[in-house]
Amino acid sequence: MKSGDLSLEMVETCLMHYAKKYIPGISRTNRKPSSSISAVTATTTSSSLASEGQQRELLETIISNLPLEKSSRPSTATRFLFGLLRTANILNASEACKAALIHGYRNQSARRSAEF
């Protein structure tokens, strides 16, 4: 992905959207089920979620493909990276995965601080 003709912004946008959609807990909107959802729907939804191991594997794949050095939207990327780091801790992701996220988060935070 990184070596292809796609722009880093396009890769980042696609991976962020995919992660928010398929890994529970990354964005605030999918952390808690809505109170208007019935018990039947909640049961069906929870049974269709990927296992913890599958979520961890998906998370680590997404992180390995994210352009962590640069971001077209530093404020969004900073919040997103923090959400990924929180989820990586919950899913017991590899130390290398967590270290990459911390490195990316620090870069984004420093870049954001320099803008102000």
C-alpha atoms as a PDB file:
ATOM      1  CA  MET A   1       0.000   0.000   0.000  1.00  0.00           C
ATOM      2  CA  LYS A   2       2.667   2.478   1.024  1.00  0.00           C
ATOM      3  CA  SER A   3       4.751   1.884  -2.095  1.00  0.00           C
ATOM      4  CA  GLY A   4       1.813   2.218  -4.515  1.00  0.00           C
ATOM      5  CA  ASP A   5       0.586   5.243  -6.411  1.00  0.00           C
ATOM      6  CA  LEU A   6      -1.928   6.198  -3.735  1.00  0.00           C
ATOM      7  CA  SER A   7      -1.316   9.411  -1.846  1.00  0.00           C
ATOM      8  CA  LEU A   8      -0.544   9.148   1.863  1.00  0.00           C
ATOM      9  CA  GLU A   9      -3.679  11.186   2.559  1.00  0.00           C
ATOM     10  CA  MET A  10      -5.842   8.643   0.699  1.00  0.00           C
ATOM     11  CA  VAL A  11      -4.253   5.692   2.526  1.00  0.00           C
ATOM     12  CA  GLU A  12      -4.667   7.435   5.877  1.00  0.00           C
ATOM     13  CA  THR A  13      -8.313   8.330   5.209  1.00  0.00           C
ATOM     14  CA  CYS A  14      -9.233   4.828   4.059  1.00  0.00           C
ATOM     15  CA  LEU A  15      -7.505   3.097   6.979  1.00  0.00           C
ATOM     16  CA  MET A  16      -9.073   5.483   9.502  1.00  0.00           C
ATOM     17  CA  HIS A  17     -12.540   4.858   8.081  1.00  0.00           C
ATOM     18  CA  TYR A  18     -12.015   1.086   7.988  1.00  0.00           C
ATOM     19  CA  ALA A  19     -10.683   0.954  11.557  1.00  0.00           C
ATOM     20  CA  LYS A  20     -13.538   3.060  12.919  1.00  0.00           C
ATOM     21  CA  LYS A  21     -16.054   0.827  11.186  1.00  0.00           C
ATOM     22  CA  TYR A  22     -14.647  -2.606  12.019  1.00  0.00           C
ATOM     23  CA  ILE A  23     -12.793  -2.289  15.334  1.00  0.00           C
ATOM     24  CA  PRO A  24     -15.122  -1.516  18.250  1.00  0.00           C
ATOM     25  CA  GLY A  25     -14.026   1.193  20.643  1.00  0.00           C
ATOM     26  CA  ILE A  26     -11.805   3.262  18.364  1.00  0.00           C
ATOM     27  CA  SER A  27     -14.253   6.086  17.861  1.00  0.00           C
ATOM     28  CA  ARG A  28     -16.592   7.447  20.484  1.00  0.00           C
ATOM     29  CA  THR A  29     -19.648   6.719  18.380  1.00  0.00           C
ATOM     30  CA  ASN A  30     -19.215   2.946  18.466  1.00  0.00           C
ATOM     31  CA  ARG A  31     -18.076   2.418  22.060  1.00  0.00           C
ATOM     32  CA  LYS A  32     -21.524   2.047  23.588  1.00  0.00           C
ATOM     33  CA  PRO A  33     -24.624   0.701  21.906  1.00  0.00           C
ATOM     34  CA  SER A  34     -27.437   3.203  21.667  1.00  0.00           C
ATOM     35  CA  SER A  35     -30.167   2.918  24.292  1.00  0.00           C
ATOM     36  CA  SER A  36     -32.732   2.709  21.493  1.00  0.00           C
ATOM     37  CA  ILE A  37     -31.348  -0.623  20.280  1.00  0.00           C
ATOM     38  CA  SER A  38     -33.428  -3.555  21.392  1.00  0.00           C
ATOM     39  CA  ALA A  39     -31.971  -6.520  23.276  1.00  0.00           C
ATOM     40  CA  VAL A  40     -32.411  -8.753  20.229  1.00  0.00           C
ATOM     41  CA  THR A  41     -30.467  -6.384  18.004  1.00  0.00           C
ATOM     42  CA  ALA A  42     -27.729  -5.992  20.620  1.00  0.00           C
ATOM     43  CA  THR A  43     -27.369  -9.771  20.917  1.00  0.00           C
ATOM     44  CA  THR A  44     -27.178 -10.165  17.148  1.00  0.00           C
ATOM     45  CA  THR A  45     -24.621  -7.372  16.865  1.00  0.00           C
ATOM     46  CA  SER A  46     -22.371  -8.735  19.612  1.00  0.00           C
ATOM     47  CA  SER A  47     -22.416 -12.231  18.120  1.00  0.00           C
ATOM     48  CA  SER A  48     -21.328 -10.883  14.727  1.00  0.00           C
ATOM     49  CA  LEU A  49     -18.299  -9.019  16.123  1.00  0.00           C
ATOM     50  CA  ALA A  50     -14.859 -10.403  15.392  1.00  0.00           C
ATOM     51  CA  SER A  51     -13.064 -12.261  18.155  1.00  0.00           C
ATOM     52  CA  GLU A  52     -10.450 -10.456  20.238  1.00  0.00           C
ATOM     53  CA  GLY A  53      -7.657 -12.188  18.317  1.00  0.00           C
ATOM     54  CA  GLN A  54      -9.144 -11.172  14.976  1.00  0.00           C
ATOM     55  CA  GLN A  55      -9.566  -7.593  16.175  1.00  0.00           C
ATOM     56  CA  ARG A  56      -5.948  -7.529  17.384  1.00  0.00           C
ATOM     57  CA  GLU A  57      -4.702  -8.880  14.049  1.00  0.00           C
ATOM     58  CA  LEU A  58      -6.781  -6.331  12.129  1.00  0.00           C
ATOM     59  CA  LEU A  59      -5.561  -3.515  14.402  1.00  0.00           C
ATOM     60  CA  GLU A  60      -1.910  -4.483  13.938  1.00  0.00           C
ATOM     61  CA  THR A  61      -2.366  -4.706  10.155  1.00  0.00           C
ATOM     62  CA  ILE A  62      -3.946  -1.253  10.038  1.00  0.00           C
ATOM     63  CA  ILE A  63      -1.196   0.228  12.201  1.00  0.00           C
ATOM     64  CA  SER A  64       1.537  -1.317  10.058  1.00  0.00           C
ATOM     65  CA  ASN A  65       0.035   0.375   6.983  1.00  0.00           C
ATOM     66  CA  LEU A  66      -0.683   3.801   8.485  1.00  0.00           C
ATOM     67  CA  PRO A  67       1.588   6.640   7.391  1.00  0.00           C
ATOM     68  CA  LEU A  68       2.598   7.588  10.956  1.00  0.00           C
ATOM     69  CA  GLU A  69       5.245  10.150  10.008  1.00  0.00           C
ATOM     70  CA  LYS A  70       2.980  12.626   8.238  1.00  0.00           C
ATOM     71  CA  SER A  71      -0.680  13.406   8.436  1.00  0.00           C
ATOM     72  CA  SER A  72      -2.839  15.655   6.350  1.00  0.00           C
ATOM     73  CA  ARG A  73      -5.041  16.371   9.379  1.00  0.00           C
ATOM     74  CA  PRO A  74      -2.900  16.526  12.521  1.00  0.00           C
ATOM     75  CA  SER A  75      -5.708  17.101  15.028  1.00  0.00           C
ATOM     76  CA  THR A  76      -7.814  14.244  13.670  1.00  0.00           C
ATOM     77  CA  ALA A  77      -4.796  11.969  13.403  1.00  0.00           C
ATOM     78  CA  THR A  78      -3.750  12.714  16.982  1.00  0.00           C
ATOM     79  CA  ARG A  79      -7.177  11.755  18.367  1.00  0.00           C
ATOM     80  CA  PHE A  80      -7.327   8.712  16.110  1.00  0.00           C
ATOM     81  CA  LEU A  81      -3.846   7.517  17.138  1.00  0.00           C
ATOM     82  CA  PHE A  82      -4.776   7.918  20.788  1.00  0.00           C
ATOM     83  CA  GLY A  83      -7.907   5.806  20.175  1.00  0.00           C
ATOM     84  CA  LEU A  84      -5.799   3.170  18.415  1.00  0.00           C
ATOM     85  CA  LEU A  85      -3.347   3.129  21.324  1.00  0.00           C
ATOM     86  CA  ARG A  86      -6.164   2.717  23.850  1.00  0.00           C
ATOM     87  CA  THR A  87      -7.616  -0.129  21.788  1.00  0.00           C
ATOM     88  CA  ALA A  88      -4.161  -1.719  21.338  1.00  0.00           C
ATOM     89  CA  ASN A  89      -3.763  -1.802  25.119  1.00  0.00           C
ATOM     90  CA  ILE A  90      -7.207  -3.360  25.580  1.00  0.00           C
ATOM     91  CA  LEU A  91      -6.532  -6.005  22.906  1.00  0.00           C
ATOM     92  CA  ASN A  92      -2.996  -6.722  24.207  1.00  0.00           C
ATOM     93  CA  ALA A  93      -1.382  -5.827  20.887  1.00  0.00           C
ATOM     94  CA  SER A  94       2.332  -6.429  20.378  1.00  0.00           C
ATOM     95  CA  GLU A  95       4.868  -4.094  21.958  1.00  0.00           C
ATOM     96  CA  ALA A  96       6.137  -3.134  18.490  1.00  0.00           C
ATOM     97  CA  CYS A  97       2.615  -2.105  17.529  1.00  0.00           C
ATOM     98  CA  LYS A  98       2.206   0.019  20.666  1.00  0.00           C
ATOM     99  CA  ALA A  99       5.661   1.569  20.182  1.00  0.00           C
ATOM    100  CA  ALA A 100       4.779   2.561  16.601  1.00  0.00           C
ATOM    101  CA  LEU A 101       1.588   4.216  17.832  1.00  0.00           C
ATOM    102  CA  ILE A 102       3.395   6.084  20.611  1.00  0.00           C
ATOM    103  CA  HIS A 103       6.002   7.272  18.115  1.00  0.00           C
ATOM    104  CA  GLY A 104       3.296   8.447  15.696  1.00  0.00           C
ATOM    105  CA  TYR A 105       1.341  10.122  18.491  1.00  0.00           C
ATOM    106  CA  ARG A 106       4.442  11.996  19.678  1.00  0.00           C
ATOM    107  CA  ASN A 107       5.224  13.143  16.134  1.00  0.00           C
ATOM    108  CA  GLN A 108       1.677  14.408  15.612  1.00  0.00           C
ATOM    109  CA  SER A 109       1.607  16.131  19.013  1.00  0.00           C
ATOM    110  CA  ALA A 110       4.930  17.845  18.361  1.00  0.00           C
ATOM    111  CA  ARG A 111       3.816  18.933  14.895  1.00  0.00           C
ATOM    112  CA  ARG A 112       0.564  20.254  16.314  1.00  0.00           C
ATOM    113  CA  SER A 113       2.365  22.159  19.083  1.00  0.00           C
ATOM    114  CA  ALA A 114       4.700  23.736  16.534  1.00  0.00           C
ATOM    115  CA  GLU A 115       1.698  25.038  14.582  1.00  0.00           C
ATOM    116  CA  PHE A 116       0.460  27.089  17.543  1.00  0.00           C
END
